[in-house]
Protein backbone atom coordinates (compact mmCIF):
# COMPACT_ATOMS: atom_id res chain seq x y z
CA MET A 1 34.01 -4.87 -75.67
CA LYS A 2 34.62 -1.46 -77.25
CA ILE A 3 36.33 1.39 -75.39
CA ARG A 4 33.12 3.40 -75.52
CA ASP A 5 31.21 0.58 -73.81
CA ILE A 6 33.88 0.29 -71.09
CA THR A 7 33.78 4.03 -70.49
CA LEU A 8 30.00 4.03 -70.28
CA SER A 9 30.05 1.13 -67.80
CA ALA A 10 32.60 2.95 -65.66
CA VAL A 11 30.48 6.09 -65.61
CA ILE A 12 27.39 4.13 -64.52
CA LEU A 13 29.37 2.32 -61.79
CA LEU A 14 30.80 5.58 -60.44
CA SER A 15 27.34 7.14 -60.45
CA LEU A 16 25.94 4.27 -58.40
CA ILE A 17 28.81 4.47 -55.90
CA ASN A 18 28.46 8.23 -55.49
CA ALA A 19 24.69 7.86 -55.07
CA GLY A 20 25.12 5.30 -52.29
CA PRO A 21 23.38 7.24 -49.49
CA ALA A 22 20.48 8.15 -51.79
CA LEU A 23 19.91 4.46 -52.52
CA SER A 24 19.72 3.48 -48.86
CA ILE A 25 16.28 2.78 -47.41
CA ASP A 26 15.30 5.53 -44.98
CA LYS A 27 13.57 4.76 -41.71
CA PRO A 28 9.81 5.33 -41.85
CA VAL A 29 8.78 8.79 -40.68
CA ARG A 30 5.63 7.49 -38.99
CA PRO A 31 3.99 4.17 -38.06
CA THR A 32 1.49 2.44 -40.30
CA ASP A 33 -2.07 3.77 -40.19
CA PRO A 34 -4.16 2.02 -39.08
CA TYR A 35 -1.75 0.51 -36.58
CA ILE A 36 -2.46 -3.01 -35.29
CA ALA A 37 -1.25 -4.02 -31.83
CA ARG A 38 -1.43 -7.81 -31.91
CA GLY A 39 -1.86 -9.78 -28.71
CA ALA A 40 -3.03 -6.65 -26.92
CA CYS A 41 -4.69 -6.84 -23.51
CA PRO A 42 -4.86 -3.11 -22.76
CA PHE A 43 -5.34 -2.73 -19.03
CA GLU A 44 -3.48 -3.60 -15.85
CA CYS A 45 -3.70 -7.32 -14.97
CA CYS A 46 -5.63 -8.05 -18.19
CA THR A 47 -5.36 -11.81 -18.75
CA PHE A 48 -6.36 -14.23 -21.47
CA ARG A 49 -7.90 -17.20 -19.70
CA GLU A 50 -11.39 -18.54 -18.95
CA TRP A 51 -13.81 -15.58 -18.95
CA THR A 52 -17.39 -15.41 -17.75
CA VAL A 53 -20.14 -14.41 -20.19
CA ALA A 54 -22.10 -11.38 -18.99
CA ARG A 55 -24.41 -11.02 -22.00
CA SER A 56 -25.07 -12.52 -25.40
CA VAL A 57 -22.65 -11.56 -28.16
CA ASP A 58 -21.90 -12.34 -31.82
CA LEU A 59 -18.55 -13.73 -32.97
CA TYR A 60 -17.02 -12.80 -36.33
CA ALA A 61 -14.46 -14.48 -38.57
CA ASN A 62 -11.90 -11.68 -38.20
CA PRO A 63 -11.64 -8.19 -36.71
CA ASN A 64 -13.68 -5.72 -38.80
CA SER A 65 -15.34 -8.66 -40.60
CA SER A 66 -19.08 -8.71 -41.27
CA THR A 67 -19.10 -12.52 -41.46
CA ARG A 68 -20.82 -13.77 -38.33
CA ILE A 69 -19.75 -17.30 -37.47
CA ALA A 70 -21.43 -17.88 -34.10
CA ARG A 71 -23.55 -16.33 -31.39
CA ILE A 72 -22.87 -16.78 -27.70
CA ASP A 73 -26.14 -17.00 -25.80
CA SER A 74 -25.50 -15.92 -22.21
CA HIS A 75 -28.47 -18.05 -21.04
CA HIS A 76 -26.75 -21.24 -22.19
CA THR A 77 -23.02 -20.36 -22.28
CA HIS A 78 -21.49 -19.16 -19.05
CA HIS A 79 -17.78 -19.34 -19.86
CA VAL A 80 -15.48 -18.88 -22.86
CA ARG A 81 -11.72 -19.06 -23.28
CA GLY A 82 -10.11 -15.69 -24.01
CA LEU A 83 -7.41 -16.50 -26.59
CA THR A 84 -5.84 -13.23 -27.72
CA GLY A 85 -6.61 -9.62 -28.55
CA MET A 86 -5.93 -6.93 -31.12
CA VAL A 87 -6.10 -3.17 -30.76
CA ILE A 88 -6.69 -1.29 -34.01
CA LEU A 89 -5.98 2.43 -33.86
CA HIS A 90 -4.88 5.50 -35.75
CA PRO A 91 -1.52 6.65 -34.34
CA VAL A 92 -1.66 10.13 -32.80
CA SER A 93 1.20 12.55 -33.36
CA HIS A 94 2.63 14.47 -30.40
CA VAL A 95 5.59 16.85 -30.18
CA LEU A 96 7.34 16.60 -26.83
CA ARG A 97 7.67 19.70 -24.67
CA HIS A 98 10.16 17.91 -22.42
CA ALA A 99 12.56 15.01 -22.81
CA ILE A 100 11.15 11.66 -21.67
CA VAL A 101 12.80 8.36 -20.72
CA VAL A 102 11.40 5.24 -22.35
CA ASN A 103 12.19 1.52 -22.58
CA PRO A 104 12.27 -0.74 -25.62
CA SER A 105 8.91 -2.51 -25.82
CA VAL A 106 8.50 -5.57 -23.58
CA THR A 107 7.37 -7.46 -26.68
CA ARG A 108 10.91 -7.27 -28.03
CA LYS A 109 13.63 -9.71 -26.99
CA GLY A 110 16.93 -8.60 -25.50
CA GLY A 111 17.94 -5.88 -23.07
CA ARG A 112 15.78 -3.00 -21.94
CA SER A 113 18.25 -0.14 -21.63
CA ASP A 114 16.68 3.26 -21.03
CA VAL A 115 16.37 5.56 -24.02
CA THR A 116 15.94 9.33 -23.71
CA ILE A 117 13.81 11.02 -26.35
CA PRO A 118 14.73 14.72 -26.39
CA ALA A 119 12.33 17.64 -26.28
CA ALA A 120 10.84 18.88 -29.56
CA GLU A 121 10.87 15.35 -31.06
CA GLU A 122 7.73 14.05 -32.75
CA ILE A 123 6.45 10.78 -31.33
CA TRP A 124 3.36 8.74 -32.16
CA LEU A 125 0.99 7.39 -29.52
CA LEU A 126 -0.09 3.76 -29.92
CA ASP A 127 -2.02 1.42 -27.60
CA ARG A 128 -2.36 1.77 -23.84
CA LEU A 129 -0.86 -0.84 -21.52
CA GLY A 130 -2.77 0.10 -18.37
CA GLU A 131 -1.80 1.79 -15.07
CA GLY A 132 -0.15 4.79 -16.66
CA TYR A 133 1.76 3.02 -19.43
CA VAL A 134 1.49 3.38 -23.19
CA HIS A 135 3.26 2.13 -26.30
CA LEU A 136 4.76 4.90 -28.39
CA TRP A 137 6.59 4.93 -31.72
CA TRP A 138 9.74 6.96 -32.33
CA ARG A 139 12.12 6.75 -35.27
CA GLY A 140 10.99 3.34 -36.41
CA LYS A 141 10.86 1.60 -33.02
CA VAL A 142 8.18 0.91 -30.40
CA TYR A 143 8.80 1.87 -26.76
CA ASP A 144 7.03 1.65 -23.41
CA PHE A 145 6.46 4.90 -21.55
CA GLY A 146 5.14 5.13 -18.01
CA ILE A 147 4.00 8.47 -16.63
CA LEU A 148 4.56 7.26 -13.06
CA ASP A 149 8.26 6.69 -13.71
CA THR A 150 9.05 10.30 -12.79
CA ASP A 151 8.47 12.70 -9.89
CA ASP A 152 8.72 15.75 -12.14
CA ASP A 153 5.40 17.62 -12.32
CA GLN A 154 6.00 18.75 -15.90
CA ASP A 155 6.72 15.19 -17.02
CA LEU A 156 3.59 13.94 -15.23
CA ALA A 157 1.45 16.59 -16.91
CA GLU A 158 2.81 15.71 -20.32
CA GLY A 159 2.45 12.00 -19.58
CA ASN A 160 -1.23 12.44 -18.76
CA THR A 161 -1.68 14.25 -22.06
CA LEU A 162 -0.09 11.32 -23.87
CA LEU A 163 -2.38 8.82 -22.18
CA ASP A 164 -5.47 10.83 -23.04
CA LYS A 165 -4.40 11.05 -26.67
CA ALA A 166 -3.64 7.32 -26.85
CA ASP A 167 -7.31 6.54 -26.12
CA GLU A 168 -8.61 8.39 -29.16
CA GLY A 169 -10.40 6.00 -31.51
CA ALA A 170 -8.71 2.79 -30.36
CA VAL A 171 -10.81 -0.37 -30.76
CA TRP A 172 -9.99 -3.57 -28.87
CA TRP A 173 -11.06 -6.83 -30.48
CA VAL A 174 -10.86 -10.12 -28.55
CA LYS A 175 -10.74 -13.67 -29.86
CA VAL A 176 -12.58 -16.30 -27.82
CA ARG A 177 -13.41 -19.98 -28.01
CA THR A 178 -16.62 -21.50 -26.66
CA ALA A 179 -16.93 -24.89 -24.96
CA SER A 180 -18.45 -26.24 -28.19
CA GLY A 181 -15.32 -25.22 -30.13
CA ALA A 182 -16.66 -22.14 -31.94
CA THR A 183 -13.87 -19.58 -32.26
CA GLY A 184 -14.26 -15.98 -33.36
CA TRP A 185 -13.68 -12.28 -32.74
CA THR A 186 -15.78 -9.52 -31.17
CA ARG A 187 -15.21 -5.89 -30.29
CA ASP A 188 -17.90 -6.16 -27.62
CA ASN A 189 -15.34 -7.06 -24.95
CA ASP A 190 -17.62 -5.72 -22.20
CA ALA A 191 -19.69 -8.88 -22.73
CA PHE A 192 -17.10 -10.81 -20.71
CA GLY A 193 -16.02 -10.78 -17.10
CA ASP A 194 -13.16 -12.15 -15.01
CA MET A 195 -10.60 -10.64 -17.39
CA ASP A 196 -8.67 -8.95 -14.59
CA SER A 197 -6.30 -11.31 -12.78
CA CYS A 198 -5.83 -8.75 -9.98
CA GLY A 199 -9.54 -8.55 -9.17
């Protein structure tokens, strides 16, 4: 190898070393849009189990699909098995007026140490969990936030704002299976009853 080639290689190596931080992968500045909350059952005591059929409804191959694979006739089918759910939404940006205390999402394994998100931070509202709780996204991670976890009036007011925003445009799809074995998705989740295990 010639001296010139060695010198050139050294220059390239030093440039890569000095550019180390620039080559690192930054954390995303916002969640994906649309955001998909898989396995979602977005209200208190919501349970996937045997549901009653309140009215006839079409089942589709996938959420947002136009391929109809079955129709549930409420006159002949009285029960289905609720298998899972999916909330599809557009994350909503919110800048905090006050610091809030959150927990790592219950869907994650490991400890659930409290995390404080300071005032003036931008967070993104995701799907609702029911009874005053919501998923939110901050700096690349998903957290649970409950507005009833504080006695501070300002925090409660801001929490209610977050919950209202989290409802904007969210669509809940459910996957069900009939007694005959037909399995599919529908966004017409009001067609089913007995979804609340507390009722």
